[in-house]
Amino acid sequence: MNQTTALRDLLLNGLPELKDLPESMQLFSALQGLRILFCEGLCSLPDWLGSLESLSSLSIRYCYNLSSLSDGFKTPESLTRLQIEGCPELEKRCKKPEVNTGQKYHISALSI
């Protein structure tokens, strides 16, 4: 089995120079948990992140410059847990329902 398709959990921690998530992450078809911590250079999340059909938990913490999910970002149906902490601009946007462009969330555990 290919290692990228078998990967279930990924932690990106302390990568201040990271500006974009690597496009190769789209191959992580079994990815269930993604934690992004202290990636200060990250400004937005890519549209393709929503196409990770197995993703059930997304944690974004202390990415101070992350101000938005991309305009085309759709939460996958599998996403049940979303945690956003220490991302002031993103927290503001996510607390305003009108900013989410009417998108329906399937998230049962939301922490902002």
PDB file of N, CA and C in Angstrom:
ATOM      1  N   MET A   1       0.850  -1.187   0.000  1.00  0.00           N
ATOM      2  CA  MET A   1       0.000   0.000   0.000  1.00  0.00           C
ATOM      3  C   MET A   1       0.890   1.243   0.000  1.00  0.00           C
ATOM      4  N   ASN A   2       0.550   2.198  -0.786  1.00  0.00           N
ATOM      5  CA  ASN A   2       1.295   3.443  -0.867  1.00  0.00           C
ATOM      6  C   ASN A   2       1.196   4.184   0.466  1.00  0.00           C
ATOM      7  N   GLN A   3       2.318   4.703   0.939  1.00  0.00           N
ATOM      8  CA  GLN A   3       2.322   5.374   2.238  1.00  0.00           C
ATOM      9  C   GLN A   3       1.434   6.614   2.259  1.00  0.00           C
ATOM     10  N   THR A   4       1.335   7.333   1.153  1.00  0.00           N
ATOM     11  CA  THR A   4       0.501   8.539   1.159  1.00  0.00           C
ATOM     12  C   THR A   4      -0.978   8.200   1.257  1.00  0.00           C
ATOM     13  N   THR A   5      -1.392   7.080   0.686  1.00  0.00           N
ATOM     14  CA  THR A   5      -2.813   6.736   0.763  1.00  0.00           C
ATOM     15  C   THR A   5      -3.159   6.127   2.108  1.00  0.00           C
ATOM     16  N   ALA A   6      -2.159   5.623   2.849  1.00  0.00           N
ATOM     17  CA  ALA A   6      -2.407   4.998   4.142  1.00  0.00           C
ATOM     18  C   ALA A   6      -2.325   5.983   5.312  1.00  0.00           C
ATOM     19  N   LEU A   7      -1.785   7.151   5.094  1.00  0.00           N
ATOM     20  CA  LEU A   7      -1.600   8.127   6.171  1.00  0.00           C
ATOM     21  C   LEU A   7      -2.946   8.551   6.747  1.00  0.00           C
ATOM     22  N   ARG A   8      -3.091   8.419   8.074  1.00  0.00           N
ATOM     23  CA  ARG A   8      -4.368   8.750   8.722  1.00  0.00           C
ATOM     24  C   ARG A   8      -4.332  10.063   9.492  1.00  0.00           C
ATOM     25  N   ASP A   9      -3.202  10.389  10.084  1.00  0.00           N
ATOM     26  CA  ASP A   9      -3.090  11.623  10.864  1.00  0.00           C
ATOM     27  C   ASP A   9      -1.830  12.368  10.460  1.00  0.00           C
ATOM     28  N   LEU A  10      -1.939  13.699  10.388  1.00  0.00           N
ATOM     29  CA  LEU A  10      -0.801  14.524  10.008  1.00  0.00           C
ATOM     30  C   LEU A  10      -0.747  15.748  10.908  1.00  0.00           C
ATOM     31  N   LEU A  11       0.438  16.030  11.408  1.00  0.00           N
ATOM     32  CA  LEU A  11       0.690  17.207  12.237  1.00  0.00           C
ATOM     33  C   LEU A  11       1.698  18.081  11.518  1.00  0.00           C
ATOM     34  N   LEU A  12       1.309  19.315  11.238  1.00  0.00           N
ATOM     35  CA  LEU A  12       2.221  20.336  10.719  1.00  0.00           C
ATOM     36  C   LEU A  12       2.425  21.316  11.862  1.00  0.00           C
ATOM     37  N   ASN A  13       3.623  21.329  12.432  1.00  0.00           N
ATOM     38  CA  ASN A  13       3.863  22.099  13.657  1.00  0.00           C
ATOM     39  C   ASN A  13       5.142  22.915  13.531  1.00  0.00           C
ATOM     40  N   GLY A  14       5.046  24.213  13.847  1.00  0.00           N
ATOM     41  CA  GLY A  14       6.214  25.071  13.898  1.00  0.00           C
ATOM     42  C   GLY A  14       6.878  25.277  12.555  1.00  0.00           C
ATOM     43  N   LEU A  15       6.098  25.586  11.552  1.00  0.00           N
ATOM     44  CA  LEU A  15       6.621  25.837  10.206  1.00  0.00           C
ATOM     45  C   LEU A  15       6.303  27.283   9.811  1.00  0.00           C
ATOM     46  N   PRO A  16       7.017  28.263  10.380  1.00  0.00           N
ATOM     47  CA  PRO A  16       6.675  29.664  10.150  1.00  0.00           C
ATOM     48  C   PRO A  16       6.845  30.114   8.699  1.00  0.00           C
ATOM     49  N   GLU A  17       7.640  29.416   7.923  1.00  0.00           N
ATOM     50  CA  GLU A  17       7.867  29.791   6.524  1.00  0.00           C
ATOM     51  C   GLU A  17       6.841  29.172   5.568  1.00  0.00           C
ATOM     52  N   LEU A  18       6.020  28.273   6.068  1.00  0.00           N
ATOM     53  CA  LEU A  18       5.023  27.605   5.228  1.00  0.00           C
ATOM     54  C   LEU A  18       3.961  28.615   4.787  1.00  0.00           C
ATOM     55  N   LYS A  19       3.865  28.845   3.497  1.00  0.00           N
ATOM     56  CA  LYS A  19       2.895  29.809   2.959  1.00  0.00           C
ATOM     57  C   LYS A  19       1.639  29.114   2.424  1.00  0.00           C
ATOM     58  N   ASP A  20       1.823  27.904   1.906  1.00  0.00           N
ATOM     59  CA  ASP A  20       0.728  27.129   1.327  1.00  0.00           C
ATOM     60  C   ASP A  20       0.886  25.673   1.747  1.00  0.00           C
ATOM     61  N   LEU A  21      -0.234  24.990   1.882  1.00  0.00           N
ATOM     62  CA  LEU A  21      -0.154  23.557   2.131  1.00  0.00           C
ATOM     63  C   LEU A  21       0.326  22.879   0.847  1.00  0.00           C
ATOM     64  N   PRO A  22       1.207  21.902   0.953  1.00  0.00           N
ATOM     65  CA  PRO A  22       1.710  21.219  -0.246  1.00  0.00           C
ATOM     66  C   PRO A  22       0.576  20.550  -1.023  1.00  0.00           C
ATOM     67  N   GLU A  23       0.561  20.744  -2.321  1.00  0.00           N
ATOM     68  CA  GLU A  23      -0.495  20.154  -3.152  1.00  0.00           C
ATOM     69  C   GLU A  23      -0.466  18.637  -3.116  1.00  0.00           C
ATOM     70  N   SER A  24       0.691  18.068  -2.808  1.00  0.00           N
ATOM     71  CA  SER A  24       0.796  16.604  -2.735  1.00  0.00           C
ATOM     72  C   SER A  24      -0.089  16.031  -1.627  1.00  0.00           C
ATOM     73  N   MET A  25      -0.533  16.878  -0.692  1.00  0.00           N
ATOM     74  CA  MET A  25      -1.428  16.410   0.367  1.00  0.00           C
ATOM     75  C   MET A  25      -2.766  15.934  -0.187  1.00  0.00           C
ATOM     76  N   GLN A  26      -3.091  16.325  -1.398  1.00  0.00           N
ATOM     77  CA  GLN A  26      -4.340  15.875  -2.019  1.00  0.00           C
ATOM     78  C   GLN A  26      -4.364  14.364  -2.189  1.00  0.00           C
ATOM     79  N   LEU A  27      -3.189  13.748  -2.191  1.00  0.00           N
ATOM     80  CA  LEU A  27      -3.086  12.295  -2.365  1.00  0.00           C
ATOM     81  C   LEU A  27      -3.375  11.530  -1.081  1.00  0.00           C
ATOM     82  N   PHE A  28      -3.513  12.225   0.032  1.00  0.00           N
ATOM     83  CA  PHE A  28      -3.715  11.572   1.331  1.00  0.00           C
ATOM     84  C   PHE A  28      -5.185  11.190   1.493  1.00  0.00           C
ATOM     85  N   SER A  29      -5.609  10.228   0.713  1.00  0.00           N
ATOM     86  CA  SER A  29      -7.032   9.882   0.653  1.00  0.00           C
ATOM     87  C   SER A  29      -7.580   9.288   1.956  1.00  0.00           C
ATOM     88  N   ALA A  30      -6.722   8.726   2.798  1.00  0.00           N
ATOM     89  CA  ALA A  30      -7.185   8.139   4.063  1.00  0.00           C
ATOM     90  C   ALA A  30      -7.027   9.087   5.243  1.00  0.00           C
ATOM     91  N   LEU A  31      -6.586  10.313   4.987  1.00  0.00           N
ATOM     92  CA  LEU A  31      -6.315  11.257   6.076  1.00  0.00           C
ATOM     93  C   LEU A  31      -7.596  11.567   6.855  1.00  0.00           C
ATOM     94  N   GLN A  32      -7.562  11.281   8.147  1.00  0.00           N
ATOM     95  CA  GLN A  32      -8.713  11.516   9.011  1.00  0.00           C
ATOM     96  C   GLN A  32      -8.506  12.713   9.927  1.00  0.00           C
ATOM     97  N   GLY A  33      -7.267  12.953  10.332  1.00  0.00           N
ATOM     98  CA  GLY A  33      -6.990  14.051  11.245  1.00  0.00           C
ATOM     99  C   GLY A  33      -5.866  14.926  10.733  1.00  0.00           C
ATOM    100  N   LEU A  34      -6.095  16.234  10.736  1.00  0.00           N
ATOM    101  CA  LEU A  34      -5.075  17.189  10.315  1.00  0.00           C
ATOM    102  C   LEU A  34      -4.975  18.267  11.378  1.00  0.00           C
ATOM    103  N   ARG A  35      -3.762  18.440  11.907  1.00  0.00           N
ATOM    104  CA  ARG A  35      -3.500  19.496  12.883  1.00  0.00           C
ATOM    105  C   ARG A  35      -2.446  20.428  12.304  1.00  0.00           C
ATOM    106  N   ILE A  36      -2.777  21.707  12.276  1.00  0.00           N
ATOM    107  CA  ILE A  36      -1.871  22.727  11.760  1.00  0.00           C
ATOM    108  C   ILE A  36      -1.612  23.692  12.916  1.00  0.00           C
ATOM    109  N   LEU A  37      -0.373  23.715  13.418  1.00  0.00           N
ATOM    110  CA  LEU A  37      -0.025  24.500  14.598  1.00  0.00           C
ATOM    111  C   LEU A  37       1.184  25.390  14.321  1.00  0.00           C
ATOM    112  N   PHE A  38       1.100  26.621  14.750  1.00  0.00           N
ATOM    113  CA  PHE A  38       2.223  27.560  14.682  1.00  0.00           C
ATOM    114  C   PHE A  38       2.823  27.649  13.275  1.00  0.00           C
ATOM    115  N   CYS A  39       1.977  27.796  12.289  1.00  0.00           N
ATOM    116  CA  CYS A  39       2.405  28.012  10.900  1.00  0.00           C
ATOM    117  C   CYS A  39       2.044  29.453  10.550  1.00  0.00           C
ATOM    118  N   GLU A  40       2.851  30.373  11.026  1.00  0.00           N
ATOM    119  CA  GLU A  40       2.539  31.795  10.951  1.00  0.00           C
ATOM    120  C   GLU A  40       2.491  32.349   9.530  1.00  0.00           C
ATOM    121  N   GLY A  41       3.166  31.706   8.584  1.00  0.00           N
ATOM    122  CA  GLY A  41       3.178  32.195   7.203  1.00  0.00           C
ATOM    123  C   GLY A  41       1.945  31.817   6.410  1.00  0.00           C
ATOM    124  N   LEU A  42       1.143  30.926   6.936  1.00  0.00           N
ATOM    125  CA  LEU A  42      -0.056  30.448   6.250  1.00  0.00           C
ATOM    126  C   LEU A  42      -1.153  31.516   6.322  1.00  0.00           C
ATOM    127  N   CYS A  43      -1.660  31.924   5.143  1.00  0.00           N
ATOM    128  CA  CYS A  43      -2.688  32.981   5.106  1.00  0.00           C
ATOM    129  C   CYS A  43      -4.073  32.456   4.773  1.00  0.00           C
ATOM    130  N   SER A  44      -4.153  31.360   4.036  1.00  0.00           N
ATOM    131  CA  SER A  44      -5.459  30.766   3.726  1.00  0.00           C
ATOM    132  C   SER A  44      -5.267  29.277   3.459  1.00  0.00           C
ATOM    133  N   LEU A  45      -6.374  28.572   3.512  1.00  0.00           N
ATOM    134  CA  LEU A  45      -6.361  27.137   3.238  1.00  0.00           C
ATOM    135  C   LEU A  45      -6.847  26.904   1.813  1.00  0.00           C
ATOM    136  N   PRO A  46      -6.293  25.929   1.122  1.00  0.00           N
ATOM    137  CA  PRO A  46      -6.654  25.708  -0.282  1.00  0.00           C
ATOM    138  C   PRO A  46      -8.036  25.070  -0.443  1.00  0.00           C
ATOM    139  N   ASP A  47      -8.628  25.289  -1.606  1.00  0.00           N
ATOM    140  CA  ASP A  47      -9.933  24.702  -1.937  1.00  0.00           C
ATOM    141  C   ASP A  47      -9.899  23.184  -1.842  1.00  0.00           C
ATOM    142  N   TRP A  48      -8.825  22.583  -2.329  1.00  0.00           N
ATOM    143  CA  TRP A  48      -8.755  21.121  -2.407  1.00  0.00           C
ATOM    144  C   TRP A  48      -8.801  20.440  -1.042  1.00  0.00           C
ATOM    145  N   LEU A  49      -8.564  21.181   0.034  1.00  0.00           N
ATOM    146  CA  LEU A  49      -8.615  20.572   1.361  1.00  0.00           C
ATOM    147  C   LEU A  49      -9.998  19.973   1.625  1.00  0.00           C
ATOM    148  N   GLY A  50     -11.009  20.585   1.077  1.00  0.00           N
ATOM    149  CA  GLY A  50     -12.374  20.088   1.234  1.00  0.00           C
ATOM    150  C   GLY A  50     -12.655  18.810   0.474  1.00  0.00           C
ATOM    151  N   SER A  51     -11.746  18.420  -0.408  1.00  0.00           N
ATOM    152  CA  SER A  51     -11.954  17.190  -1.176  1.00  0.00           C
ATOM    153  C   SER A  51     -11.350  15.967  -0.490  1.00  0.00           C
ATOM    154  N   LEU A  52     -10.765  16.152   0.678  1.00  0.00           N
ATOM    155  CA  LEU A  52     -10.233  15.014   1.443  1.00  0.00           C
ATOM    156  C   LEU A  52     -11.412  14.323   2.119  1.00  0.00           C
ATOM    157  N   GLU A  53     -11.949  13.326   1.471  1.00  0.00           N
ATOM    158  CA  GLU A  53     -13.219  12.718   1.862  1.00  0.00           C
ATOM    159  C   GLU A  53     -13.204  11.982   3.195  1.00  0.00           C
ATOM    160  N   SER A  54     -12.024  11.631   3.699  1.00  0.00           N
ATOM    161  CA  SER A  54     -11.943  10.917   4.977  1.00  0.00           C
ATOM    162  C   SER A  54     -11.682  11.844   6.154  1.00  0.00           C
ATOM    163  N   LEU A  55     -11.420  13.112   5.875  1.00  0.00           N
ATOM    164  CA  LEU A  55     -11.045  14.060   6.937  1.00  0.00           C
ATOM    165  C   LEU A  55     -12.201  14.266   7.914  1.00  0.00           C
ATOM    166  N   SER A  56     -11.988  13.866   9.159  1.00  0.00           N
ATOM    167  CA  SER A  56     -13.040  14.005  10.159  1.00  0.00           C
ATOM    168  C   SER A  56     -12.681  15.030  11.238  1.00  0.00           C
ATOM    169  N   SER A  57     -11.401  15.355  11.373  1.00  0.00           N
ATOM    170  CA  SER A  57     -10.977  16.290  12.409  1.00  0.00           C
ATOM    171  C   SER A  57      -9.946  17.257  11.845  1.00  0.00           C
ATOM    172  N   LEU A  58     -10.211  18.550  12.012  1.00  0.00           N
ATOM    173  CA  LEU A  58      -9.305  19.600  11.553  1.00  0.00           C
ATOM    174  C   LEU A  58      -9.066  20.553  12.705  1.00  0.00           C
ATOM    175  N   SER A  59      -7.797  20.697  13.080  1.00  0.00           N
ATOM    176  CA  SER A  59      -7.419  21.589  14.168  1.00  0.00           C
ATOM    177  C   SER A  59      -6.429  22.607  13.626  1.00  0.00           C
ATOM    178  N   ILE A  60      -6.763  23.879  13.785  1.00  0.00           N
ATOM    179  CA  ILE A  60      -5.910  24.973  13.317  1.00  0.00           C
ATOM    180  C   ILE A  60      -5.633  25.849  14.526  1.00  0.00           C
ATOM    181  N   ARG A  61      -4.372  25.896  14.952  1.00  0.00           N
ATOM    182  CA  ARG A  61      -4.054  26.622  16.180  1.00  0.00           C
ATOM    183  C   ARG A  61      -2.807  27.478  15.990  1.00  0.00           C
ATOM    184  N   TYR A  62      -2.932  28.691  16.442  1.00  0.00           N
ATOM    185  CA  TYR A  62      -1.830  29.650  16.483  1.00  0.00           C
ATOM    186  C   TYR A  62      -1.174  29.884  15.124  1.00  0.00           C
ATOM    187  N   CYS A  63      -1.997  29.990  14.124  1.00  0.00           N
ATOM    188  CA  CYS A  63      -1.563  30.388  12.789  1.00  0.00           C
ATOM    189  C   CYS A  63      -2.042  31.835  12.651  1.00  0.00           C
ATOM    190  N   TYR A  64      -1.281  32.751  13.214  1.00  0.00           N
ATOM    191  CA  TYR A  64      -1.714  34.130  13.426  1.00  0.00           C
ATOM    192  C   TYR A  64      -2.118  34.859  12.152  1.00  0.00           C
ATOM    193  N   ASN A  65      -1.526  34.523  11.020  1.00  0.00           N
ATOM    194  CA  ASN A  65      -1.832  35.223   9.774  1.00  0.00           C
ATOM    195  C   ASN A  65      -2.909  34.545   8.944  1.00  0.00           C
ATOM    196  N   LEU A  66      -3.396  33.419   9.404  1.00  0.00           N
ATOM    197  CA  LEU A  66      -4.462  32.732   8.678  1.00  0.00           C
ATOM    198  C   LEU A  66      -5.751  33.524   8.874  1.00  0.00           C
ATOM    199  N   SER A  67      -6.213  34.126   7.787  1.00  0.00           N
ATOM    200  CA  SER A  67      -7.360  35.025   7.920  1.00  0.00           C
ATOM    201  C   SER A  67      -8.628  34.474   7.298  1.00  0.00           C
ATOM    202  N   SER A  68      -8.498  33.441   6.481  1.00  0.00           N
ATOM    203  CA  SER A  68      -9.711  32.917   5.866  1.00  0.00           C
ATOM    204  C   SER A  68      -9.496  31.515   5.319  1.00  0.00           C
ATOM    205  N   LEU A  69     -10.611  30.854   5.171  1.00  0.00           N
ATOM    206  CA  LEU A  69     -10.640  29.646   4.371  1.00  0.00           C
ATOM    207  C   LEU A  69     -10.807  30.172   2.951  1.00  0.00           C
ATOM    208  N   SER A  70     -10.272  29.509   1.966  1.00  0.00           N
ATOM    209  CA  SER A  70     -10.376  30.029   0.607  1.00  0.00           C
ATOM    210  C   SER A  70     -11.848  30.112   0.208  1.00  0.00           C
ATOM    211  N   ASP A  71     -12.147  30.959  -0.775  1.00  0.00           N
ATOM    212  CA  ASP A  71     -13.536  31.183  -1.180  1.00  0.00           C
ATOM    213  C   ASP A  71     -14.233  29.906  -1.634  1.00  0.00           C
ATOM    214  N   GLY A  72     -13.488  29.000  -2.266  1.00  0.00           N
ATOM    215  CA  GLY A  72     -14.079  27.776  -2.769  1.00  0.00           C
ATOM    216  C   GLY A  72     -14.028  26.617  -1.791  1.00  0.00           C
ATOM    217  N   PHE A  73     -13.545  26.861  -0.572  1.00  0.00           N
ATOM    218  CA  PHE A  73     -13.409  25.779   0.406  1.00  0.00           C
ATOM    219  C   PHE A  73     -14.774  25.288   0.851  1.00  0.00           C
ATOM    220  N   LYS A  74     -14.964  23.999   0.754  1.00  0.00           N
ATOM    221  CA  LYS A  74     -16.192  23.365   1.238  1.00  0.00           C
ATOM    222  C   LYS A  74     -15.777  22.310   2.247  1.00  0.00           C
ATOM    223  N   THR A  75     -16.427  22.291   3.385  1.00  0.00           N
ATOM    224  CA  THR A  75     -16.076  21.277   4.380  1.00  0.00           C
ATOM    225  C   THR A  75     -16.536  19.920   3.870  1.00  0.00           C
ATOM    226  N   PRO A  76     -15.668  18.915   3.987  1.00  0.00           N
ATOM    227  CA  PRO A  76     -16.102  17.583   3.557  1.00  0.00           C
ATOM    228  C   PRO A  76     -17.204  17.063   4.473  1.00  0.00           C
ATOM    229  N   GLU A  77     -18.082  16.240   3.924  1.00  0.00           N
ATOM    230  CA  GLU A  77     -19.185  15.670   4.709  1.00  0.00           C
ATOM    231  C   GLU A  77     -18.668  14.906   5.915  1.00  0.00           C
ATOM    232  N   SER A  78     -17.453  14.365   5.801  1.00  0.00           N
ATOM    233  CA  SER A  78     -16.873  13.559   6.875  1.00  0.00           C
ATOM    234  C   SER A  78     -16.387  14.398   8.057  1.00  0.00           C
ATOM    235  N   LEU A  79     -16.227  15.718   7.873  1.00  0.00           N
ATOM    236  CA  LEU A  79     -15.674  16.566   8.934  1.00  0.00           C
ATOM    237  C   LEU A  79     -16.694  16.737  10.058  1.00  0.00           C
ATOM    238  N   THR A  80     -16.340  16.216  11.239  1.00  0.00           N
ATOM    239  CA  THR A  80     -17.229  16.312  12.387  1.00  0.00           C
ATOM    240  C   THR A  80     -16.633  17.161  13.498  1.00  0.00           C
ATOM    241  N   ARG A  81     -15.349  17.436  13.420  1.00  0.00           N
ATOM    242  CA  ARG A  81     -14.709  18.211  14.473  1.00  0.00           C
ATOM    243  C   ARG A  81     -13.813  19.283  13.861  1.00  0.00           C
ATOM    244  N   LEU A  82     -14.054  20.529  14.249  1.00  0.00           N
ATOM    245  CA  LEU A  82     -13.256  21.656  13.785  1.00  0.00           C
ATOM    246  C   LEU A  82     -12.850  22.474  14.993  1.00  0.00           C
ATOM    247  N   GLN A  83     -11.551  22.688  15.148  1.00  0.00           N
ATOM    248  CA  GLN A  83     -11.026  23.493  16.252  1.00  0.00           C
ATOM    249  C   GLN A  83     -10.181  24.611  15.666  1.00  0.00           C
ATOM    250  N   ILE A  84     -10.496  25.839  16.058  1.00  0.00           N
ATOM    251  CA  ILE A  84      -9.728  27.008  15.641  1.00  0.00           C
ATOM    252  C   ILE A  84      -9.378  27.771  16.906  1.00  0.00           C
ATOM    253  N   GLU A  85      -8.087  27.985  17.124  1.00  0.00           N
ATOM    254  CA  GLU A  85      -7.638  28.668  18.328  1.00  0.00           C
ATOM    255  C   GLU A  85      -6.381  29.475  18.012  1.00  0.00           C
ATOM    256  N   GLY A  86      -6.342  30.703  18.497  1.00  0.00           N
ATOM    257  CA  GLY A  86      -5.162  31.533  18.330  1.00  0.00           C
ATOM    258  C   GLY A  86      -4.965  32.050  16.916  1.00  0.00           C
ATOM    259  N   CYS A  87      -6.048  32.118  16.150  1.00  0.00           N
ATOM    260  CA  CYS A  87      -6.035  32.646  14.786  1.00  0.00           C
ATOM    261  C   CYS A  87      -7.071  33.783  14.766  1.00  0.00           C
ATOM    262  N   PRO A  88      -6.714  34.958  15.254  1.00  0.00           N
ATOM    263  CA  PRO A  88      -7.713  36.005  15.513  1.00  0.00           C
ATOM    264  C   PRO A  88      -8.605  36.364  14.325  1.00  0.00           C
ATOM    265  N   GLU A  89      -8.028  36.534  13.155  1.00  0.00           N
ATOM    266  CA  GLU A  89      -8.846  36.925  11.996  1.00  0.00           C
ATOM    267  C   GLU A  89      -9.770  35.797  11.544  1.00  0.00           C
ATOM    268  N   LEU A  90      -9.253  34.595  11.537  1.00  0.00           N
ATOM    269  CA  LEU A  90     -10.070  33.444  11.146  1.00  0.00           C
ATOM    270  C   LEU A  90     -11.187  33.207  12.152  1.00  0.00           C
ATOM    271  N   GLU A  91     -10.878  33.370  13.426  1.00  0.00           N
ATOM    272  CA  GLU A  91     -11.897  33.207  14.469  1.00  0.00           C
ATOM    273  C   GLU A  91     -13.034  34.201  14.267  1.00  0.00           C
ATOM    274  N   LYS A  92     -12.696  35.453  13.952  1.00  0.00           N
ATOM    275  CA  LYS A  92     -13.737  36.473  13.718  1.00  0.00           C
ATOM    276  C   LYS A  92     -14.633  36.079  12.552  1.00  0.00           C
ATOM    277  N   ARG A  93     -14.019  35.644  11.470  1.00  0.00           N
ATOM    278  CA  ARG A  93     -14.788  35.289  10.270  1.00  0.00           C
ATOM    279  C   ARG A  93     -15.678  34.079  10.508  1.00  0.00           C
ATOM    280  N   CYS A  94     -15.170  33.094  11.231  1.00  0.00           N
ATOM    281  CA  CYS A  94     -15.941  31.872  11.454  1.00  0.00           C
ATOM    282  C   CYS A  94     -17.084  32.073  12.442  1.00  0.00           C
ATOM    283  N   LYS A  95     -17.011  33.100  13.253  1.00  0.00           N
ATOM    284  CA  LYS A  95     -18.090  33.367  14.201  1.00  0.00           C
ATOM    285  C   LYS A  95     -19.238  34.126  13.562  1.00  0.00           C
ATOM    286  N   LYS A  96     -19.026  34.641  12.336  1.00  0.00           N
ATOM    287  CA  LYS A  96     -20.067  35.368  11.623  1.00  0.00           C
ATOM    288  C   LYS A  96     -20.668  34.445  10.577  1.00  0.00           C
ATOM    289  N   PRO A  97     -21.882  33.949  10.779  1.00  0.00           N
ATOM    290  CA  PRO A  97     -22.460  32.984   9.849  1.00  0.00           C
ATOM    291  C   PRO A  97     -22.611  33.512   8.430  1.00  0.00           C
ATOM    292  N   GLU A  98     -22.822  34.807   8.268  1.00  0.00           N
ATOM    293  CA  GLU A  98     -23.016  35.342   6.920  1.00  0.00           C
ATOM    294  C   GLU A  98     -21.747  35.280   6.088  1.00  0.00           C
ATOM    295  N   VAL A  99     -20.604  35.172   6.727  1.00  0.00           N
ATOM    296  CA  VAL A  99     -19.343  35.082   6.006  1.00  0.00           C
ATOM    297  C   VAL A  99     -19.161  33.704   5.390  1.00  0.00           C
ATOM    298  N   ASN A 100     -19.846  32.726   5.907  1.00  0.00           N
ATOM    299  CA  ASN A 100     -19.675  31.355   5.433  1.00  0.00           C
ATOM    300  C   ASN A 100     -20.456  31.069   4.155  1.00  0.00           C
ATOM    301  N   THR A 101     -20.976  32.091   3.520  1.00  0.00           N
ATOM    302  CA  THR A 101     -21.680  32.003   2.245  1.00  0.00           C
ATOM    303  C   THR A 101     -22.773  30.925   2.228  1.00  0.00           C
ATOM    304  N   GLY A 102     -23.460  30.787   3.333  1.00  0.00           N
ATOM    305  CA  GLY A 102     -24.570  29.854   3.388  1.00  0.00           C
ATOM    306  C   GLY A 102     -24.178  28.393   3.410  1.00  0.00           C
ATOM    307  N   GLN A 103     -22.916  28.127   3.546  1.00  0.00           N
ATOM    308  CA  GLN A 103     -22.427  26.742   3.542  1.00  0.00           C
ATOM    309  C   GLN A 103     -22.983  25.987   4.745  1.00  0.00           C
ATOM    310  N   LYS A 104     -23.421  24.775   4.527  1.00  0.00           N
ATOM    311  CA  LYS A 104     -23.935  23.947   5.608  1.00  0.00           C
ATOM    312  C   LYS A 104     -22.790  23.122   6.165  1.00  0.00           C
ATOM    313  N   TYR A 105     -22.657  23.125   7.465  1.00  0.00           N
ATOM    314  CA  TYR A 105     -21.612  22.379   8.117  1.00  0.00           C
ATOM    315  C   TYR A 105     -22.193  21.122   8.734  1.00  0.00           C
ATOM    316  N   HIS A 106     -21.402  20.068   8.745  1.00  0.00           N
ATOM    317  CA  HIS A 106     -21.798  18.791   9.316  1.00  0.00           C
ATOM    318  C   HIS A 106     -21.015  18.560  10.595  1.00  0.00           C
ATOM    319  N   ILE A 107     -20.570  19.623  11.195  1.00  0.00           N
ATOM    320  CA  ILE A 107     -19.646  19.557  12.317  1.00  0.00           C
ATOM    321  C   ILE A 107     -20.429  19.453  13.621  1.00  0.00           C
ATOM    322  N   SER A 108     -20.123  18.420  14.379  1.00  0.00           N
ATOM    323  CA  SER A 108     -20.807  18.246  15.649  1.00  0.00           C
ATOM    324  C   SER A 108     -19.991  18.803  16.818  1.00  0.00           C
ATOM    325  N   ALA A 109     -18.682  18.924  16.645  1.00  0.00           N
ATOM    326  CA  ALA A 109     -17.822  19.468  17.692  1.00  0.00           C
ATOM    327  C   ALA A 109     -17.051  20.657  17.121  1.00  0.00           C
ATOM    328  N   LEU A 110     -17.526  21.854  17.426  1.00  0.00           N
ATOM    329  CA  LEU A 110     -16.919  23.079  16.920  1.00  0.00           C
ATOM    330  C   LEU A 110     -16.348  23.853  18.100  1.00  0.00           C
ATOM    331  N   SER A 111     -15.081  24.208  18.001  1.00  0.00           N
ATOM    332  CA  SER A 111     -14.425  24.972  19.053  1.00  0.00           C
ATOM    333  C   SER A 111     -13.700  26.140  18.429  1.00  0.00           C
ATOM    334  N   ILE A 112     -14.178  27.357  18.734  1.00  0.00           N
ATOM    335  CA  ILE A 112     -13.545  28.570  18.218  1.00  0.00           C
ATOM    336  C   ILE A 112     -13.211  29.454  19.391  1.00  0.00           C
TER     337      ILE A 112
END
